[in-house]
Amino acid sequence: MSQMEIDRVLAQIRSLSAQMRPAATPASDPKTGGVSEFANILKSGIDQVNQQQQRAGQLADAFERGTPGVELPQVMLEMQKASVSFRALNEVRNRLISAYQEIMNMSL
């Protein structure tokens, strides 16, 4: 993976991180049944990782079928980007579970 490709992946991660820190907006009231801003951001992140995984899978399938214009370096790059995205999502999930467990173990 070249430095330029790594920089592009890091830029995407930074972009997702910036989306996770929105400007100060009031969260919706849980009593009204509205979806919170946090849930929307989390769903958006999961959807983006899913799209990346699907794109990498489609490109790999196209390469395996011998579709013209699909090169191995392109497939490997997409697969690596999908892998990094998934690992980052997995780390977020682990941190959320850890935070939830800490909150549940707090004494009142």
N, C-alpha and C. Protein backbone atom coordinates (compact mmCIF):
# COMPACT_ATOMS: atom_id res chain seq x y z
N MET A 1 0.85 -1.16 0.00
CA MET A 1 0.00 0.00 0.00
C MET A 1 0.90 1.23 0.00
N SER A 2 0.69 2.12 -0.92
CA SER A 2 1.55 3.30 -1.02
C SER A 2 1.15 4.35 0.01
N GLN A 3 2.02 5.31 0.20
CA GLN A 3 1.78 6.37 1.18
C GLN A 3 0.54 7.18 0.80
N MET A 4 0.33 7.42 -0.49
CA MET A 4 -0.82 8.19 -0.93
C MET A 4 -2.13 7.46 -0.61
N GLU A 5 -2.15 6.15 -0.78
CA GLU A 5 -3.34 5.36 -0.48
C GLU A 5 -3.61 5.34 1.01
N ILE A 6 -2.56 5.24 1.81
CA ILE A 6 -2.71 5.27 3.26
C ILE A 6 -3.24 6.62 3.70
N ASP A 7 -2.73 7.70 3.11
CA ASP A 7 -3.21 9.03 3.44
C ASP A 7 -4.69 9.18 3.11
N ARG A 8 -5.11 8.59 2.00
CA ARG A 8 -6.52 8.68 1.61
C ARG A 8 -7.40 7.93 2.60
N VAL A 9 -6.98 6.75 3.04
CA VAL A 9 -7.74 5.99 4.03
C VAL A 9 -7.80 6.75 5.35
N LEU A 10 -6.68 7.34 5.75
CA LEU A 10 -6.67 8.13 6.98
C LEU A 10 -7.59 9.34 6.87
N ALA A 11 -7.64 9.94 5.71
CA ALA A 11 -8.55 11.08 5.50
C ALA A 11 -10.00 10.64 5.65
N GLN A 12 -10.33 9.45 5.16
CA GLN A 12 -11.68 8.94 5.31
C GLN A 12 -12.00 8.68 6.78
N ILE A 13 -11.04 8.14 7.52
CA ILE A 13 -11.24 7.89 8.94
C ILE A 13 -11.43 9.20 9.68
N ARG A 14 -10.63 10.21 9.33
CA ARG A 14 -10.78 11.52 9.97
C ARG A 14 -12.14 12.13 9.64
N SER A 15 -12.61 11.92 8.43
CA SER A 15 -13.92 12.43 8.03
C SER A 15 -15.02 11.78 8.86
N LEU A 16 -14.92 10.47 9.05
CA LEU A 16 -15.90 9.78 9.89
C LEU A 16 -15.82 10.26 11.33
N SER A 17 -14.61 10.50 11.78
CA SER A 17 -14.43 11.00 13.15
C SER A 17 -15.05 12.37 13.31
N ALA A 18 -14.91 13.22 12.30
CA ALA A 18 -15.51 14.55 12.36
C ALA A 18 -17.03 14.45 12.37
N GLN A 19 -17.59 13.47 11.69
CA GLN A 19 -19.03 13.27 11.70
C GLN A 19 -19.51 12.81 13.07
N MET A 20 -18.65 12.12 13.78
CA MET A 20 -19.01 11.64 15.12
C MET A 20 -19.08 12.77 16.13
N ARG A 21 -18.45 13.90 15.83
CA ARG A 21 -18.46 15.05 16.73
C ARG A 21 -19.24 16.20 16.09
N PRO A 22 -20.57 16.08 16.08
CA PRO A 22 -21.36 17.15 15.45
C PRO A 22 -21.38 18.40 16.31
N ALA A 23 -21.81 19.50 15.70
CA ALA A 23 -21.97 20.74 16.45
C ALA A 23 -23.00 20.52 17.54
N ALA A 24 -22.98 21.37 18.52
CA ALA A 24 -23.88 21.21 19.66
C ALA A 24 -25.34 21.30 19.21
N THR A 25 -25.98 20.14 19.16
CA THR A 25 -27.40 20.09 18.81
C THR A 25 -28.12 19.36 19.92
N PRO A 26 -29.30 19.80 20.26
CA PRO A 26 -30.02 19.11 21.33
C PRO A 26 -30.44 17.72 20.89
N ALA A 27 -30.25 16.76 21.78
CA ALA A 27 -30.66 15.39 21.48
C ALA A 27 -32.17 15.30 21.58
N SER A 28 -32.75 14.42 20.81
CA SER A 28 -34.19 14.28 20.86
C SER A 28 -34.60 13.67 22.19
N ASP A 29 -35.80 13.96 22.61
CA ASP A 29 -36.32 13.50 23.89
C ASP A 29 -36.67 12.02 23.78
N PRO A 30 -36.11 11.17 24.66
CA PRO A 30 -36.39 9.74 24.58
C PRO A 30 -37.87 9.43 24.79
N LYS A 31 -38.57 10.30 25.52
CA LYS A 31 -39.98 10.06 25.80
C LYS A 31 -40.83 10.18 24.54
N THR A 32 -40.39 10.96 23.58
CA THR A 32 -41.16 11.14 22.36
C THR A 32 -40.93 10.02 21.36
N GLY A 33 -39.98 9.17 21.62
CA GLY A 33 -39.72 8.04 20.73
C GLY A 33 -38.87 8.41 19.52
N GLY A 34 -38.28 9.60 19.50
CA GLY A 34 -37.44 10.02 18.39
C GLY A 34 -36.10 9.31 18.42
N VAL A 35 -35.48 9.24 17.27
CA VAL A 35 -34.17 8.62 17.17
C VAL A 35 -33.12 9.66 17.53
N SER A 36 -32.18 9.27 18.38
CA SER A 36 -31.16 10.21 18.83
C SER A 36 -30.11 10.46 17.74
N GLU A 37 -29.40 11.55 17.89
CA GLU A 37 -28.34 11.89 16.94
C GLU A 37 -27.25 10.82 16.97
N PHE A 38 -26.96 10.30 18.17
CA PHE A 38 -25.95 9.25 18.31
C PHE A 38 -26.33 8.02 17.49
N ALA A 39 -27.59 7.62 17.57
CA ALA A 39 -28.04 6.44 16.83
C ALA A 39 -27.92 6.68 15.32
N ASN A 40 -28.24 7.88 14.89
CA ASN A 40 -28.12 8.20 13.45
C ASN A 40 -26.68 8.14 12.99
N ILE A 41 -25.76 8.67 13.78
CA ILE A 41 -24.35 8.66 13.41
C ILE A 41 -23.81 7.23 13.40
N LEU A 42 -24.20 6.45 14.40
CA LEU A 42 -23.75 5.07 14.47
C LEU A 42 -24.28 4.27 13.27
N LYS A 43 -25.54 4.45 12.93
CA LYS A 43 -26.11 3.75 11.78
C LYS A 43 -25.42 4.18 10.49
N SER A 44 -25.12 5.46 10.37
CA SER A 44 -24.43 5.95 9.18
C SER A 44 -23.05 5.31 9.05
N GLY A 45 -22.34 5.21 10.15
CA GLY A 45 -21.02 4.57 10.13
C GLY A 45 -21.09 3.11 9.75
N ILE A 46 -22.07 2.40 10.30
CA ILE A 46 -22.25 0.98 9.98
C ILE A 46 -22.60 0.82 8.50
N ASP A 47 -23.47 1.69 8.00
CA ASP A 47 -23.84 1.63 6.59
C ASP A 47 -22.64 1.87 5.68
N GLN A 48 -21.78 2.81 6.05
CA GLN A 48 -20.60 3.09 5.23
C GLN A 48 -19.64 1.90 5.22
N VAL A 49 -19.47 1.26 6.36
CA VAL A 49 -18.60 0.08 6.41
C VAL A 49 -19.21 -1.04 5.57
N ASN A 50 -20.52 -1.21 5.66
CA ASN A 50 -21.20 -2.22 4.86
C ASN A 50 -21.02 -1.96 3.37
N GLN A 51 -21.16 -0.72 2.94
CA GLN A 51 -20.97 -0.38 1.54
C GLN A 51 -19.54 -0.67 1.09
N GLN A 52 -18.58 -0.36 1.95
CA GLN A 52 -17.18 -0.63 1.62
C GLN A 52 -16.94 -2.13 1.46
N GLN A 53 -17.53 -2.93 2.35
CA GLN A 53 -17.39 -4.39 2.27
C GLN A 53 -18.03 -4.92 0.98
N GLN A 54 -19.20 -4.42 0.66
CA GLN A 54 -19.88 -4.87 -0.56
C GLN A 54 -19.11 -4.48 -1.81
N ARG A 55 -18.58 -3.26 -1.83
CA ARG A 55 -17.81 -2.79 -2.98
C ARG A 55 -16.57 -3.66 -3.18
N ALA A 56 -15.89 -3.99 -2.07
CA ALA A 56 -14.69 -4.83 -2.16
C ALA A 56 -15.06 -6.23 -2.65
N GLY A 57 -16.17 -6.77 -2.17
CA GLY A 57 -16.62 -8.09 -2.60
C GLY A 57 -16.99 -8.12 -4.08
N GLN A 58 -17.66 -7.08 -4.54
CA GLN A 58 -18.03 -7.01 -5.96
C GLN A 58 -16.80 -6.90 -6.85
N LEU A 59 -15.83 -6.11 -6.40
CA LEU A 59 -14.61 -5.95 -7.18
C LEU A 59 -13.82 -7.26 -7.23
N ALA A 60 -13.79 -7.98 -6.10
CA ALA A 60 -13.10 -9.27 -6.08
C ALA A 60 -13.78 -10.28 -7.00
N ASP A 61 -15.10 -10.27 -6.98
CA ASP A 61 -15.85 -11.16 -7.88
C ASP A 61 -15.57 -10.83 -9.34
N ALA A 62 -15.54 -9.54 -9.65
CA ALA A 62 -15.27 -9.12 -11.02
C ALA A 62 -13.87 -9.56 -11.45
N PHE A 63 -12.90 -9.45 -10.54
CA PHE A 63 -11.53 -9.87 -10.86
C PHE A 63 -11.48 -11.37 -11.09
N GLU A 64 -12.17 -12.13 -10.24
CA GLU A 64 -12.17 -13.58 -10.37
C GLU A 64 -12.81 -14.04 -11.69
N ARG A 65 -13.77 -13.28 -12.15
CA ARG A 65 -14.44 -13.62 -13.41
C ARG A 65 -13.64 -13.14 -14.62
N GLY A 66 -12.61 -12.37 -14.39
CA GLY A 66 -11.77 -11.90 -15.49
C GLY A 66 -12.33 -10.70 -16.21
N THR A 67 -13.10 -9.89 -15.51
CA THR A 67 -13.68 -8.69 -16.11
C THR A 67 -12.56 -7.75 -16.54
N PRO A 68 -12.60 -7.27 -17.79
CA PRO A 68 -11.56 -6.35 -18.26
C PRO A 68 -11.58 -5.05 -17.45
N GLY A 69 -10.41 -4.53 -17.18
CA GLY A 69 -10.28 -3.27 -16.46
C GLY A 69 -10.18 -3.41 -14.96
N VAL A 70 -10.35 -4.61 -14.43
CA VAL A 70 -10.24 -4.84 -12.99
C VAL A 70 -8.89 -5.47 -12.73
N GLU A 71 -8.02 -4.72 -12.07
CA GLU A 71 -6.65 -5.17 -11.82
C GLU A 71 -6.49 -5.62 -10.37
N LEU A 72 -5.52 -6.50 -10.14
CA LEU A 72 -5.27 -7.04 -8.82
C LEU A 72 -4.93 -5.95 -7.79
N PRO A 73 -4.08 -4.97 -8.11
CA PRO A 73 -3.79 -3.93 -7.10
C PRO A 73 -5.04 -3.16 -6.68
N GLN A 74 -5.93 -2.93 -7.62
CA GLN A 74 -7.18 -2.24 -7.31
C GLN A 74 -8.03 -3.09 -6.34
N VAL A 75 -8.11 -4.38 -6.59
CA VAL A 75 -8.87 -5.29 -5.73
C VAL A 75 -8.25 -5.34 -4.34
N MET A 76 -6.93 -5.45 -4.28
CA MET A 76 -6.25 -5.54 -2.99
C MET A 76 -6.44 -4.25 -2.18
N LEU A 77 -6.40 -3.11 -2.84
CA LEU A 77 -6.59 -1.84 -2.16
C LEU A 77 -7.99 -1.76 -1.56
N GLU A 78 -8.99 -2.13 -2.34
CA GLU A 78 -10.37 -2.09 -1.84
C GLU A 78 -10.57 -3.08 -0.69
N MET A 79 -9.94 -4.24 -0.79
CA MET A 79 -10.05 -5.23 0.28
C MET A 79 -9.39 -4.72 1.56
N GLN A 80 -8.25 -4.05 1.43
CA GLN A 80 -7.57 -3.49 2.60
C GLN A 80 -8.39 -2.36 3.22
N LYS A 81 -8.97 -1.51 2.38
CA LYS A 81 -9.80 -0.43 2.90
C LYS A 81 -11.01 -0.99 3.65
N ALA A 82 -11.61 -2.03 3.11
CA ALA A 82 -12.74 -2.67 3.77
C ALA A 82 -12.32 -3.29 5.09
N SER A 83 -11.15 -3.89 5.10
CA SER A 83 -10.63 -4.51 6.32
C SER A 83 -10.36 -3.47 7.40
N VAL A 84 -9.74 -2.36 7.03
CA VAL A 84 -9.46 -1.28 7.99
C VAL A 84 -10.77 -0.70 8.52
N SER A 85 -11.73 -0.51 7.65
CA SER A 85 -13.03 0.03 8.06
C SER A 85 -13.70 -0.91 9.06
N PHE A 86 -13.66 -2.19 8.77
CA PHE A 86 -14.30 -3.16 9.65
C PHE A 86 -13.60 -3.21 11.01
N ARG A 87 -12.28 -3.19 11.00
CA ARG A 87 -11.54 -3.22 12.27
C ARG A 87 -11.85 -1.97 13.10
N ALA A 88 -11.96 -0.82 12.44
CA ALA A 88 -12.28 0.41 13.17
C ALA A 88 -13.69 0.31 13.76
N LEU A 89 -14.64 -0.21 13.01
CA LEU A 89 -15.99 -0.38 13.50
C LEU A 89 -16.02 -1.36 14.67
N ASN A 90 -15.25 -2.42 14.57
CA ASN A 90 -15.17 -3.40 15.64
C ASN A 90 -14.59 -2.77 16.91
N GLU A 91 -13.61 -1.91 16.77
CA GLU A 91 -13.02 -1.23 17.93
C GLU A 91 -14.03 -0.28 18.57
N VAL A 92 -14.81 0.40 17.75
CA VAL A 92 -15.86 1.28 18.29
C VAL A 92 -16.87 0.46 19.08
N ARG A 93 -17.26 -0.67 18.52
CA ARG A 93 -18.20 -1.55 19.23
C ARG A 93 -17.63 -2.01 20.56
N ASN A 94 -16.36 -2.41 20.57
CA ASN A 94 -15.73 -2.86 21.81
C ASN A 94 -15.70 -1.75 22.85
N ARG A 95 -15.41 -0.53 22.41
CA ARG A 95 -15.37 0.60 23.35
C ARG A 95 -16.76 0.93 23.89
N LEU A 96 -17.77 0.82 23.03
CA LEU A 96 -19.14 1.07 23.49
C LEU A 96 -19.57 0.03 24.52
N ILE A 97 -19.24 -1.21 24.28
CA ILE A 97 -19.58 -2.28 25.23
C ILE A 97 -18.86 -2.05 26.54
N SER A 98 -17.60 -1.67 26.47
CA SER A 98 -16.83 -1.39 27.68
C SER A 98 -17.43 -0.23 28.47
N ALA A 99 -17.81 0.83 27.77
CA ALA A 99 -18.42 1.98 28.45
C ALA A 99 -19.75 1.59 29.06
N TYR A 100 -20.55 0.81 28.37
CA TYR A 100 -21.83 0.34 28.90
C TYR A 100 -21.62 -0.48 30.17
N GLN A 101 -20.64 -1.37 30.14
CA GLN A 101 -20.37 -2.21 31.31
C GLN A 101 -19.91 -1.36 32.49
N GLU A 102 -19.09 -0.34 32.24
CA GLU A 102 -18.66 0.55 33.32
C GLU A 102 -19.84 1.30 33.92
N ILE A 103 -20.74 1.76 33.06
CA ILE A 103 -21.92 2.48 33.56
C ILE A 103 -22.80 1.54 34.37
N MET A 104 -22.97 0.33 33.91
CA MET A 104 -23.83 -0.62 34.63
C MET A 104 -23.22 -1.03 35.97
N ASN A 105 -21.90 -0.97 36.10
CA ASN A 105 -21.24 -1.35 37.35
C ASN A 105 -21.12 -0.20 38.34
N MET A 106 -21.54 1.01 37.93
CA MET A 106 -21.47 2.15 38.84
C MET A 106 -22.50 1.96 39.97
N SER A 107 -22.07 2.36 41.14
CA SER A 107 -23.02 2.31 42.26
C SER A 107 -23.77 3.63 42.33
N LEU A 108 -25.00 3.52 42.77
CA LEU A 108 -25.83 4.73 42.89
C LEU A 108 -25.61 5.29 44.23
